[in-house]
Protein backbone atom coordinates (compact mmCIF):
# COMPACT_ATOMS: atom_id res chain seq x y z
CA UNK A 1 97.60 -121.82 58.01
CA UNK A 2 97.36 -122.72 54.28
CA UNK A 3 95.20 -120.70 52.67
CA UNK A 4 92.34 -122.95 51.06
CA UNK A 5 90.99 -120.30 48.29
CA UNK A 6 92.20 -117.17 46.88
CA UNK A 7 90.83 -113.64 47.39
CA UNK A 8 87.74 -111.97 45.82
CA UNK A 9 90.73 -109.35 44.70
CA UNK A 10 93.27 -112.36 43.44
CA UNK A 11 90.13 -113.37 41.70
CA UNK A 12 88.63 -110.63 39.76
CA UNK A 13 92.47 -109.58 38.68
CA UNK A 14 91.95 -109.00 34.38
CA UNK A 15 88.38 -109.35 35.22
CA UNK A 16 86.68 -105.34 33.77
CA UNK A 17 83.46 -105.20 35.86
CA UNK A 18 85.12 -106.94 39.14
CA UNK A 19 81.42 -108.79 39.70
CA UNK A 20 79.17 -105.13 38.44
CA UNK A 21 77.83 -106.32 35.31
CA UNK A 22 78.10 -103.49 32.91
CA UNK A 23 81.07 -101.24 34.76
CA UNK A 24 78.64 -98.08 34.78
CA UNK A 25 76.32 -99.96 37.13
CA UNK A 26 78.70 -99.78 39.51
CA UNK A 27 78.83 -96.02 39.71
CA UNK A 28 76.32 -93.61 40.49
CA UNK A 29 72.99 -93.98 41.06
CA UNK A 30 71.80 -93.78 37.35
CA UNK A 31 70.10 -96.99 36.81
CA UNK A 32 68.05 -97.00 39.48
CA UNK A 33 66.62 -93.00 39.11
CA UNK A 34 68.67 -91.55 41.51
CA UNK A 35 69.68 -91.33 45.05
CA UNK A 36 67.15 -90.85 48.11
CA UNK A 37 63.96 -88.78 47.32
CA UNK A 38 65.33 -87.57 43.38
CA UNK A 39 62.40 -87.55 41.01
CA UNK A 40 59.12 -87.57 43.73
CA UNK A 41 57.57 -85.12 41.05
CA UNK A 42 59.41 -86.27 37.77
CA UNK A 43 60.02 -90.02 37.30
CA UNK A 44 59.60 -91.68 40.69
CA UNK A 45 55.92 -89.57 40.82
CA UNK A 46 54.06 -92.95 41.83
CA UNK A 47 55.67 -92.88 44.97
CA UNK A 48 54.40 -89.33 45.72
CA UNK A 49 50.50 -90.71 44.47
CA UNK A 50 51.10 -93.79 46.71
CA UNK A 51 52.29 -91.61 50.02
CA UNK A 52 49.45 -89.34 49.49
CA UNK A 53 47.26 -92.30 49.39
CA UNK A 54 48.27 -93.72 52.80
CA UNK A 55 48.69 -90.33 54.52
CA UNK A 56 45.26 -88.73 53.36
CA UNK A 57 46.79 -84.87 52.50
CA UNK A 58 48.75 -83.49 49.95
CA UNK A 59 51.87 -83.71 50.19
CA UNK A 60 53.44 -81.42 47.40
CA UNK A 61 52.26 -77.65 46.62
CA UNK A 62 50.64 -75.28 48.44
CA UNK A 63 47.17 -75.20 49.12
CA UNK A 64 44.77 -72.11 50.97
CA UNK A 65 44.66 -68.90 52.17
CA UNK A 66 46.22 -67.61 54.98
CA UNK A 67 45.39 -63.91 55.90
CA UNK A 68 47.93 -61.44 56.29
CA UNK A 69 48.22 -60.86 60.36
CA UNK A 70 47.98 -57.09 59.90
CA UNK A 71 44.14 -57.79 59.12
CA UNK A 72 42.98 -60.03 61.74
CA UNK A 73 42.22 -58.01 64.40
CA UNK A 74 42.52 -59.31 67.52
CA UNK A 75 40.10 -58.74 70.48
CA UNK A 76 40.94 -59.16 74.30
CA UNK A 77 37.31 -60.94 75.46
CA UNK A 78 36.00 -62.06 78.92
CA UNK A 79 32.88 -64.19 78.97
CA UNK A 80 29.42 -63.64 81.24
CA UNK A 81 30.62 -66.24 83.58
CA UNK A 82 34.21 -65.11 84.70
CA UNK A 83 32.92 -61.89 85.07
CA UNK A 84 29.99 -62.81 87.37
CA UNK A 85 32.66 -64.52 89.76
CA UNK A 86 35.50 -62.14 90.05
CA UNK A 87 32.72 -59.19 89.75
CA UNK A 88 33.52 -58.92 93.94
CA UNK A 89 37.33 -59.37 93.59
CA UNK A 90 36.96 -56.39 90.58
CA UNK A 91 35.09 -53.86 93.38
CA UNK A 92 37.57 -55.02 96.21
CA UNK A 93 40.64 -53.98 94.46
CA UNK A 94 38.74 -50.61 93.11
CA UNK A 95 37.95 -51.26 89.35
CA UNK A 96 34.27 -51.89 89.94
CA UNK A 97 31.81 -49.70 92.05
CA UNK A 98 29.09 -51.52 94.15
CA UNK A 99 25.76 -49.28 94.59
CA UNK A 100 23.17 -51.22 96.21
CA UNK A 101 23.18 -54.81 94.66
CA UNK A 102 24.43 -53.25 90.99
CA UNK A 103 27.82 -54.17 90.11
CA UNK A 104 29.34 -50.98 88.03
CA UNK A 105 32.14 -52.56 85.89
CA UNK A 106 34.03 -50.85 82.93
CA UNK A 107 35.80 -53.22 80.40
CA UNK A 108 37.57 -50.85 78.67
CA UNK A 109 39.53 -49.87 81.68
CA UNK A 110 40.55 -53.60 82.36
CA UNK A 111 41.58 -53.96 78.80
CA UNK A 112 38.96 -55.75 77.20
CA UNK A 113 37.49 -54.76 74.13
CA UNK A 114 34.52 -57.41 73.31
CA UNK A 115 32.03 -59.31 76.10
CA UNK A 116 31.21 -63.26 75.21
CA UNK A 117 28.40 -64.82 76.43
CA UNK A 118 29.53 -67.89 77.83
CA UNK A 119 28.23 -69.27 81.57
CA UNK A 120 25.08 -67.88 83.52
CA UNK A 121 24.74 -64.46 85.37
CA UNK A 122 23.46 -64.34 88.45
CA UNK A 123 24.67 -60.54 89.67
CA UNK A 124 23.38 -57.45 88.69
CA UNK A 125 25.78 -55.70 86.47
CA UNK A 126 26.26 -52.06 84.69
CA UNK A 127 28.91 -53.02 82.05
CA UNK A 128 30.28 -50.64 79.76
CA UNK A 129 32.41 -52.15 77.05
CA UNK A 130 33.47 -51.67 73.30
CA UNK A 131 31.78 -54.92 71.73
CA UNK A 132 29.25 -57.60 73.06
CA UNK A 133 27.40 -60.42 71.49
CA UNK A 134 24.06 -60.70 71.45
CA UNK A 135 23.62 -63.63 73.40
CA UNK A 136 25.72 -61.38 76.29
CA UNK A 137 23.62 -58.74 76.20
CA UNK A 138 21.05 -61.29 76.43
CA UNK A 139 22.04 -62.61 79.49
CA UNK A 140 23.37 -59.34 81.34
CA UNK A 141 19.58 -57.79 80.59
CA UNK A 142 18.23 -60.58 82.17
CA UNK A 143 19.90 -60.88 85.31
CA UNK A 144 18.54 -56.86 85.47
CA UNK A 145 21.41 -55.04 84.22
CA UNK A 146 22.68 -52.92 81.40
CA UNK A 147 25.25 -53.23 78.95
CA UNK A 148 26.64 -50.13 77.41
CA UNK A 149 27.87 -49.50 74.10
CA UNK A 150 31.40 -46.93 74.26
CA UNK A 151 33.81 -46.67 71.60
CA UNK A 152 37.14 -47.25 72.50
CA UNK A 153 40.65 -45.23 71.54
CA UNK A 154 42.67 -47.16 70.41
CA UNK A 155 46.18 -46.93 69.42
CA UNK A 156 47.31 -47.34 65.78
CA UNK A 157 50.93 -48.41 65.11
CA UNK A 158 51.80 -48.47 61.51
CA UNK A 159 53.57 -51.88 60.94
CA UNK A 160 56.73 -51.86 58.66
CA UNK A 161 57.72 -54.52 56.07
């Protein structure tokens, strides 16, 4: 075949910059302010401002506070509605006692440390528990039962870092 034009590499012989203007423009990313996310907290700060405005949240920096886990108390809880539904099952398994129409349940023995008030109570129950909300106590009393508060002996484990 006949070569109709010379190759670019042949044309650029003896050219100092090979079509890149100043030679330094073709080396690193120096003329373009760095590569990738370079300078997002410095000379390209406007990019961060635009991204934060678009997302609606802060992208750089730490905000807020997180409590240390060793100081957060975690309770095993149960709602009065769940207790109302599972009262017969607890009697069958021997974890509760039924005398007449009154259920006697010790939640501390079941590993529950707090009674919450979600739901309705239709059964008369005498409950022993470490903690209970005011609404839960009033719902149990309204159904004809009572709530007894007993201190639960908890094991304290030393947390080592």
